[in-house]
Amino acid sequence: MGLLKLGVVALDETKLKANASKHKAMSLARRKQEQERLELRHTQSRLARIRAAQAELLAEAAA
């Protein structure tokens, strides 16, 4: 039918040295734990900034 046309197929066999660390690779369970830990740390730092801003506003209002 002439629907397919075979062109040039080239394979590159370049070998590169990998620098992936087996200690940095994460399983799904470990990735979930790490994500929760990072989100918790972000939440705590954001809450500390909010409390500091509230303290500044209260000090200005009292003055």
PDB file of N, CA and C in Angstrom:
ATOM      1  N   MET A   1       0.829  -1.199   0.000  1.00  0.00           N
ATOM      2  CA  MET A   1       0.000   0.000   0.000  1.00  0.00           C
ATOM      3  C   MET A   1       0.867   1.254   0.000  1.00  0.00           C
ATOM      4  N   GLY A   2       2.121   1.118   0.350  1.00  0.00           N
ATOM      5  CA  GLY A   2       2.997   2.279   0.308  1.00  0.00           C
ATOM      6  C   GLY A   2       2.837   3.215   1.492  1.00  0.00           C
ATOM      7  N   LEU A   3       2.315   2.724   2.613  1.00  0.00           N
ATOM      8  CA  LEU A   3       2.094   3.575   3.784  1.00  0.00           C
ATOM      9  C   LEU A   3       3.352   3.745   4.619  1.00  0.00           C
ATOM     10  N   LEU A   4       4.253   2.793   4.570  1.00  0.00           N
ATOM     11  CA  LEU A   4       5.457   2.854   5.377  1.00  0.00           C
ATOM     12  C   LEU A   4       6.671   3.078   4.495  1.00  0.00           C
ATOM     13  N   LYS A   5       7.591   3.848   5.025  1.00  0.00           N
ATOM     14  CA  LYS A   5       8.832   4.097   4.301  1.00  0.00           C
ATOM     15  C   LYS A   5       9.972   3.870   5.278  1.00  0.00           C
ATOM     16  N   LEU A   6      10.902   3.025   4.921  1.00  0.00           N
ATOM     17  CA  LEU A   6      12.025   2.731   5.786  1.00  0.00           C
ATOM     18  C   LEU A   6      13.121   3.750   5.510  1.00  0.00           C
ATOM     19  N   GLY A   7      13.540   4.455   6.557  1.00  0.00           N
ATOM     20  CA  GLY A   7      14.594   5.452   6.418  1.00  0.00           C
ATOM     21  C   GLY A   7      15.881   4.944   7.022  1.00  0.00           C
ATOM     22  N   VAL A   8      16.711   5.849   7.493  1.00  0.00           N
ATOM     23  CA  VAL A   8      17.994   5.512   8.082  1.00  0.00           C
ATOM     24  C   VAL A   8      17.814   5.326   9.581  1.00  0.00           C
ATOM     25  N   VAL A   9      18.345   4.236  10.107  1.00  0.00           N
ATOM     26  CA  VAL A   9      18.322   3.975  11.537  1.00  0.00           C
ATOM     27  C   VAL A   9      19.759   3.998  12.011  1.00  0.00           C
ATOM     28  N   ALA A  10      20.048   4.867  12.974  1.00  0.00           N
ATOM     29  CA  ALA A  10      21.408   4.980  13.492  1.00  0.00           C
ATOM     30  C   ALA A  10      21.399   4.725  14.988  1.00  0.00           C
ATOM     31  N   LEU A  11      22.380   4.000  15.462  1.00  0.00           N
ATOM     32  CA  LEU A  11      22.520   3.728  16.888  1.00  0.00           C
ATOM     33  C   LEU A  11      23.814   4.356  17.374  1.00  0.00           C
ATOM     34  N   ASP A  12      23.723   5.069  18.457  1.00  0.00           N
ATOM     35  CA  ASP A  12      24.899   5.694  19.046  1.00  0.00           C
ATOM     36  C   ASP A  12      25.318   4.845  20.236  1.00  0.00           C
ATOM     37  N   GLU A  13      26.491   4.304  20.206  1.00  0.00           N
ATOM     38  CA  GLU A  13      26.955   3.443  21.289  1.00  0.00           C
ATOM     39  C   GLU A  13      27.920   4.168  22.211  1.00  0.00           C
ATOM     40  N   THR A  14      27.673   5.462  22.421  1.00  0.00           N
ATOM     41  CA  THR A  14      28.521   6.243  23.304  1.00  0.00           C
ATOM     42  C   THR A  14      28.354   5.750  24.729  1.00  0.00           C
ATOM     43  N   LYS A  15      29.459   5.554  25.409  1.00  0.00           N
ATOM     44  CA  LYS A  15      29.417   5.110  26.801  1.00  0.00           C
ATOM     45  C   LYS A  15      29.868   6.265  27.677  1.00  0.00           C
ATOM     46  N   LEU A  16      29.061   6.582  28.646  1.00  0.00           N
ATOM     47  CA  LEU A  16      29.354   7.676  29.565  1.00  0.00           C
ATOM     48  C   LEU A  16      29.488   7.118  30.969  1.00  0.00           C
ATOM     49  N   LYS A  17      30.371   7.713  31.734  1.00  0.00           N
ATOM     50  CA  LYS A  17      30.511   7.308  33.119  1.00  0.00           C
ATOM     51  C   LYS A  17      29.357   7.909  33.919  1.00  0.00           C
ATOM     52  N   ALA A  18      28.644   7.070  34.628  1.00  0.00           N
ATOM     53  CA  ALA A  18      27.496   7.523  35.409  1.00  0.00           C
ATOM     54  C   ALA A  18      27.956   7.998  36.777  1.00  0.00           C
ATOM     55  N   ASN A  19      27.276   8.991  37.310  1.00  0.00           N
ATOM     56  CA  ASN A  19      27.619   9.490  38.638  1.00  0.00           C
ATOM     57  C   ASN A  19      26.441   9.375  39.603  1.00  0.00           C
ATOM     58  N   ALA A  20      25.524   8.473  39.311  1.00  0.00           N
ATOM     59  CA  ALA A  20      24.377   8.277  40.192  1.00  0.00           C
ATOM     60  C   ALA A  20      24.834   7.524  41.440  1.00  0.00           C
ATOM     61  N   SER A  21      24.405   8.002  42.575  1.00  0.00           N
ATOM     62  CA  SER A  21      24.794   7.402  43.840  1.00  0.00           C
ATOM     63  C   SER A  21      23.729   6.423  44.305  1.00  0.00           C
ATOM     64  N   LYS A  22      24.152   5.241  44.710  1.00  0.00           N
ATOM     65  CA  LYS A  22      23.171   4.291  45.226  1.00  0.00           C
ATOM     66  C   LYS A  22      22.607   4.762  46.562  1.00  0.00           C
ATOM     67  N   HIS A  23      23.284   5.688  47.210  1.00  0.00           N
ATOM     68  CA  HIS A  23      22.791   6.221  48.482  1.00  0.00           C
ATOM     69  C   HIS A  23      21.731   7.295  48.267  1.00  0.00           C
ATOM     70  N   LYS A  24      21.724   7.906  47.093  1.00  0.00           N
ATOM     71  CA  LYS A  24      20.737   8.934  46.792  1.00  0.00           C
ATOM     72  C   LYS A  24      19.482   8.362  46.144  1.00  0.00           C
ATOM     73  N   ALA A  25      19.552   7.152  45.616  1.00  0.00           N
ATOM     74  CA  ALA A  25      18.387   6.519  45.007  1.00  0.00           C
ATOM     75  C   ALA A  25      17.374   6.205  46.105  1.00  0.00           C
ATOM     76  N   MET A  26      16.103   6.431  45.813  1.00  0.00           N
ATOM     77  CA  MET A  26      15.079   6.248  46.837  1.00  0.00           C
ATOM     78  C   MET A  26      14.009   5.278  46.367  1.00  0.00           C
ATOM     79  N   SER A  27      13.559   4.485  47.288  1.00  0.00           N
ATOM     80  CA  SER A  27      12.394   3.652  47.020  1.00  0.00           C
ATOM     81  C   SER A  27      11.160   4.543  47.153  1.00  0.00           C
ATOM     82  N   LEU A  28      10.040   4.032  46.729  1.00  0.00           N
ATOM     83  CA  LEU A  28       8.805   4.810  46.820  1.00  0.00           C
ATOM     84  C   LEU A  28       8.477   5.158  48.268  1.00  0.00           C
ATOM     85  N   ALA A  29       8.654   4.209  49.171  1.00  0.00           N
ATOM     86  CA  ALA A  29       8.353   4.458  50.586  1.00  0.00           C
ATOM     87  C   ALA A  29       9.287   5.509  51.168  1.00  0.00           C
ATOM     88  N   ARG A  30      10.578   5.420  50.836  1.00  0.00           N
ATOM     89  CA  ARG A  30      11.533   6.391  51.361  1.00  0.00           C
ATOM     90  C   ARG A  30      11.281   7.782  50.780  1.00  0.00           C
ATOM     91  N   ARG A  31      10.883   7.835  49.508  1.00  0.00           N
ATOM     92  CA  ARG A  31      10.599   9.126  48.891  1.00  0.00           C
ATOM     93  C   ARG A  31       9.410   9.787  49.571  1.00  0.00           C
ATOM     94  N   LYS A  32       8.393   8.995  49.921  1.00  0.00           N
ATOM     95  CA  LYS A  32       7.225   9.550  50.620  1.00  0.00           C
ATOM     96  C   LYS A  32       7.617  10.076  51.996  1.00  0.00           C
ATOM     97  N   GLN A  33       8.457   9.329  52.719  1.00  0.00           N
ATOM     98  CA  GLN A  33       8.917   9.781  54.033  1.00  0.00           C
ATOM     99  C   GLN A  33       9.700  11.082  53.912  1.00  0.00           C
ATOM    100  N   GLU A  34      10.584  11.159  52.932  1.00  0.00           N
ATOM    101  CA  GLU A  34      11.404  12.363  52.749  1.00  0.00           C
ATOM    102  C   GLU A  34      10.534  13.553  52.367  1.00  0.00           C
ATOM    103  N   GLN A  35       9.535  13.331  51.523  1.00  0.00           N
ATOM    104  CA  GLN A  35       8.639  14.410  51.123  1.00  0.00           C
ATOM    105  C   GLN A  35       7.862  14.945  52.321  1.00  0.00           C
ATOM    106  N   GLU A  36       7.370  14.052  53.165  1.00  0.00           N
ATOM    107  CA  GLU A  36       6.647  14.485  54.364  1.00  0.00           C
ATOM    108  C   GLU A  36       7.556  15.262  55.298  1.00  0.00           C
ATOM    109  N   ARG A  37       8.807  14.805  55.444  1.00  0.00           N
ATOM    110  CA  ARG A  37       9.757  15.492  56.322  1.00  0.00           C
ATOM    111  C   ARG A  37      10.047  16.897  55.803  1.00  0.00           C
ATOM    112  N   LEU A  38      10.235  17.024  54.492  1.00  0.00           N
ATOM    113  CA  LEU A  38      10.524  18.336  53.915  1.00  0.00           C
ATOM    114  C   LEU A  38       9.326  19.256  54.032  1.00  0.00           C
ATOM    115  N   GLU A  39       8.136  18.730  53.785  1.00  0.00           N
ATOM    116  CA  GLU A  39       6.927  19.560  53.915  1.00  0.00           C
ATOM    117  C   GLU A  39       6.741  20.016  55.341  1.00  0.00           C
ATOM    118  N   LEU A  40       7.016  19.144  56.315  1.00  0.00           N
ATOM    119  CA  LEU A  40       6.866  19.510  57.719  1.00  0.00           C
ATOM    120  C   LEU A  40       7.855  20.611  58.085  1.00  0.00           C
ATOM    121  N   ARG A  41       9.096  20.482  57.623  1.00  0.00           N
ATOM    122  CA  ARG A  41      10.103  21.502  57.923  1.00  0.00           C
ATOM    123  C   ARG A  41       9.716  22.838  57.299  1.00  0.00           C
ATOM    124  N   HIS A  42       9.181  22.801  56.074  1.00  0.00           N
ATOM    125  CA  HIS A  42       8.750  24.025  55.398  1.00  0.00           C
ATOM    126  C   HIS A  42       7.593  24.666  56.168  1.00  0.00           C
ATOM    127  N   THR A  43       6.651  23.853  56.616  1.00  0.00           N
ATOM    128  CA  THR A  43       5.505  24.354  57.362  1.00  0.00           C
ATOM    129  C   THR A  43       5.940  24.998  58.671  1.00  0.00           C
ATOM    130  N   GLN A  44       6.872  24.370  59.368  1.00  0.00           N
ATOM    131  CA  GLN A  44       7.336  24.915  60.644  1.00  0.00           C
ATOM    132  C   GLN A  44       8.073  26.238  60.458  1.00  0.00           C
ATOM    133  N   SER A  45       8.897  26.342  59.431  1.00  0.00           N
ATOM    134  CA  SER A  45       9.611  27.603  59.219  1.00  0.00           C
ATOM    135  C   SER A  45       8.645  28.707  58.806  1.00  0.00           C
ATOM    136  N   ARG A  46       7.627  28.348  58.013  1.00  0.00           N
ATOM    137  CA  ARG A  46       6.637  29.347  57.604  1.00  0.00           C
ATOM    138  C   ARG A  46       5.833  29.820  58.811  1.00  0.00           C
ATOM    139  N   LEU A  47       5.486  28.904  59.699  1.00  0.00           N
ATOM    140  CA  LEU A  47       4.743  29.260  60.902  1.00  0.00           C
ATOM    141  C   LEU A  47       5.577  30.177  61.799  1.00  0.00           C
ATOM    142  N   ALA A  48       6.872  29.929  61.899  1.00  0.00           N
ATOM    143  CA  ALA A  48       7.748  30.789  62.701  1.00  0.00           C
ATOM    144  C   ALA A  48       7.794  32.203  62.124  1.00  0.00           C
ATOM    145  N   ARG A  49       7.850  32.323  60.781  1.00  0.00           N
ATOM    146  CA  ARG A  49       7.856  33.658  60.157  1.00  0.00           C
ATOM    147  C   ARG A  49       6.541  34.382  60.383  1.00  0.00           C
ATOM    148  N   ILE A  50       5.438  33.647  60.339  1.00  0.00           N
ATOM    149  CA  ILE A  50       4.122  34.262  60.571  1.00  0.00           C
ATOM    150  C   ILE A  50       4.029  34.764  62.008  1.00  0.00           C
ATOM    151  N   ARG A  51       4.491  33.961  62.950  1.00  0.00           N
ATOM    152  CA  ARG A  51       4.453  34.382  64.361  1.00  0.00           C
ATOM    153  C   ARG A  51       5.335  35.598  64.602  1.00  0.00           C
ATOM    154  N   ALA A  52       6.491  35.658  63.958  1.00  0.00           N
ATOM    155  CA  ALA A  52       7.371  36.818  64.104  1.00  0.00           C
ATOM    156  C   ALA A  52       6.705  38.070  63.539  1.00  0.00           C
ATOM    157  N   ALA A  53       6.032  37.943  62.406  1.00  0.00           N
ATOM    158  CA  ALA A  53       5.342  39.084  61.809  1.00  0.00           C
ATOM    159  C   ALA A  53       4.180  39.540  62.698  1.00  0.00           C
ATOM    160  N   GLN A  54       3.475  38.587  63.313  1.00  0.00           N
ATOM    161  CA  GLN A  54       2.395  38.953  64.219  1.00  0.00           C
ATOM    162  C   GLN A  54       2.944  39.687  65.421  1.00  0.00           C
ATOM    163  N   ALA A  55       4.062  39.260  65.940  1.00  0.00           N
ATOM    164  CA  ALA A  55       4.660  39.928  67.094  1.00  0.00           C
ATOM    165  C   ALA A  55       5.057  41.353  66.737  1.00  0.00           C
ATOM    166  N   GLU A  56       5.586  41.557  65.535  1.00  0.00           N
ATOM    167  CA  GLU A  56       5.953  42.910  65.100  1.00  0.00           C
ATOM    168  C   GLU A  56       4.709  43.792  64.986  1.00  0.00           C
ATOM    169  N   LEU A  57       3.631  43.243  64.423  1.00  0.00           N
ATOM    170  CA  LEU A  57       2.409  44.015  64.269  1.00  0.00           C
ATOM    171  C   LEU A  57       1.817  44.389  65.629  1.00  0.00           C
ATOM    172  N   LEU A  58       1.848  43.446  66.571  1.00  0.00           N
ATOM    173  CA  LEU A  58       1.337  43.735  67.913  1.00  0.00           C
ATOM    174  C   LEU A  58       2.189  44.792  68.614  1.00  0.00           C
ATOM    175  N   ALA A  59       3.492  44.747  68.399  1.00  0.00           N
ATOM    176  CA  ALA A  59       4.377  45.745  69.012  1.00  0.00           C
ATOM    177  C   ALA A  59       4.123  47.126  68.429  1.00  0.00           C
ATOM    178  N   GLU A  60       3.899  47.185  67.105  1.00  0.00           N
ATOM    179  CA  GLU A  60       3.595  48.470  66.474  1.00  0.00           C
ATOM    180  C   GLU A  60       2.252  49.003  66.947  1.00  0.00           C
ATOM    181  N   ALA A  61       1.272  48.115  67.095  1.00  0.00           N
ATOM    182  CA  ALA A  61      -0.045  48.553  67.552  1.00  0.00           C
ATOM    183  C   ALA A  61      -0.013  49.052  68.985  1.00  0.00           C
ATOM    184  N   ALA A  62       0.848  48.454  69.817  1.00  0.00           N
ATOM    185  CA  ALA A  62       0.965  48.867  71.211  1.00  0.00           C
ATOM    186  C   ALA A  62       1.682  50.193  71.343  1.00  0.00           C
ATOM    187  N   ALA A  63       2.551  50.509  70.370  1.00  0.00           N
ATOM    188  CA  ALA A  63       3.335  51.756  70.437  1.00  0.00           C
ATOM    189  C   ALA A  63       2.558  52.973  70.044  1.00  0.00           C
TER     190      ALA A  63
END
